Amino acid sequence: MKYSVRFPSEAIEKKFHKALEIIPPKIRDEIMKGIEDLADNPRPLGEPKLKPPLIVYQYAAQYRLKIRNYRVLYDVDDKNHIVWVFDVRKRNERTYG
């Protein structure tokens, strides 16, 4: 069954799109494609669960999607078939801390 991909709030969606604005267009397109693909496969191969979960705003991101030097942080609600997207971050020492 296909999942819907959503943001938990309008404020988080705004911050996400603002973060995308500073990413080069080609990588931005790859990130958006990767997020769209989460609707069909919310747990891509090679992407283990984050241990411990990463707190993003007030939510627990259990998963990450690696796209080049960026990470999309998200969680999966299997009961309601929703992928909750929280943030996109450039990979560095502060990404997971």
Protein backbone atom coordinates (compact mmCIF):
# COMPACT_ATOMS: atom_id res chain seq x y z
CA MET A 1 0.00 0.00 0.00
CA LYS A 2 1.22 3.45 -0.90
CA TYR A 3 2.14 5.86 1.91
CA SER A 4 1.38 9.57 1.91
CA VAL A 5 4.36 11.85 2.51
CA ARG A 6 3.58 14.80 4.78
CA PHE A 7 5.01 17.38 7.14
CA PRO A 8 3.72 17.46 10.75
CA SER A 9 3.04 21.22 10.55
CA GLU A 10 3.07 24.14 8.14
CA ALA A 11 5.96 25.72 10.05
CA ILE A 12 8.12 22.62 9.58
CA GLU A 13 7.20 22.46 5.89
CA LYS A 14 8.22 26.12 5.48
CA LYS A 15 11.57 25.50 7.20
CA PHE A 16 12.14 22.43 5.04
CA HIS A 17 11.53 24.36 1.80
CA LYS A 18 13.67 27.25 3.03
CA ALA A 19 16.53 24.80 3.67
CA LEU A 20 16.06 23.41 0.15
CA GLU A 21 16.50 26.88 -1.36
CA ILE A 22 20.22 26.97 -0.50
CA ILE A 23 20.89 23.50 -1.96
CA PRO A 24 22.11 23.38 -5.59
CA PRO A 25 19.19 22.71 -8.00
CA LYS A 26 20.42 19.32 -9.24
CA ILE A 27 20.81 17.96 -5.69
CA ARG A 28 17.50 19.59 -4.69
CA ASP A 29 15.78 17.63 -7.48
CA GLU A 30 17.41 14.40 -6.25
CA ILE A 31 16.19 15.12 -2.71
CA MET A 32 12.62 15.75 -3.88
CA LYS A 33 12.69 12.56 -5.99
CA GLY A 34 13.98 10.61 -2.99
CA ILE A 35 11.16 11.96 -0.82
CA GLU A 36 8.58 11.05 -3.47
CA ASP A 37 10.01 7.53 -3.60
CA LEU A 38 9.41 7.14 0.14
CA ALA A 39 5.68 6.87 -0.67
CA ASP A 40 6.34 3.51 -2.36
CA ASN A 41 9.17 2.34 -0.12
CA PRO A 42 9.43 4.15 3.24
CA ARG A 43 12.41 2.02 4.29
CA PRO A 44 14.92 1.87 1.41
CA LEU A 45 17.55 -0.86 1.52
CA GLY A 46 20.75 0.18 3.21
CA GLU A 47 19.05 2.79 5.39
CA PRO A 48 18.96 1.38 8.93
CA LYS A 49 16.85 2.82 11.71
CA LEU A 50 18.55 5.65 13.64
CA LYS A 51 19.67 4.54 17.08
CA PRO A 52 18.91 6.47 19.15
CA PRO A 53 16.18 8.39 17.28
CA LEU A 54 17.10 11.98 16.52
CA ILE A 55 14.86 14.64 18.01
CA VAL A 56 13.94 17.18 15.33
CA TYR A 57 11.82 19.99 16.70
CA GLN A 58 9.58 17.96 19.05
CA TYR A 59 9.47 14.83 16.88
CA ALA A 60 11.60 11.70 16.86
CA ALA A 61 13.17 11.01 13.48
CA GLN A 62 13.66 7.26 13.30
CA TYR A 63 15.04 7.19 9.75
CA ARG A 64 17.30 9.11 7.41
CA LEU A 65 17.53 9.17 3.65
CA LYS A 66 21.03 9.74 2.31
CA ILE A 67 21.27 11.83 -0.84
CA ARG A 68 24.83 12.82 -1.67
CA ASN A 69 26.04 14.99 1.21
CA TYR A 70 22.53 15.62 2.59
CA ARG A 71 20.24 13.74 4.97
CA VAL A 72 16.45 13.82 5.01
CA LEU A 73 15.22 13.03 8.52
CA TYR A 74 11.82 11.37 8.78
CA ASP A 75 9.60 8.86 10.56
CA VAL A 76 7.12 6.23 9.37
CA ASP A 77 3.61 5.71 10.73
CA ASP A 78 2.72 2.23 9.48
CA LYS A 79 -0.73 2.23 11.08
CA ASN A 80 -1.88 5.28 9.09
CA HIS A 81 0.49 4.79 6.11
CA ILE A 82 2.18 8.17 6.50
CA VAL A 83 5.83 9.19 6.09
CA TRP A 84 6.44 12.26 8.26
CA VAL A 85 9.27 14.44 6.87
CA PHE A 86 10.99 16.65 9.44
CA ASP A 87 14.17 18.17 8.04
CA VAL A 88 16.91 18.15 5.41
CA ARG A 89 20.46 18.72 6.65
CA LYS A 90 23.88 18.87 5.13
CA ARG A 91 26.00 16.01 6.44
CA ASN A 92 28.48 17.29 9.03
CA GLU A 93 29.33 16.81 12.70
CA ARG A 94 26.13 18.61 13.77
CA THR A 95 23.72 16.60 11.59
CA TYR A 96 22.99 13.99 14.25
CA GLY A 97 23.72 15.99 17.37
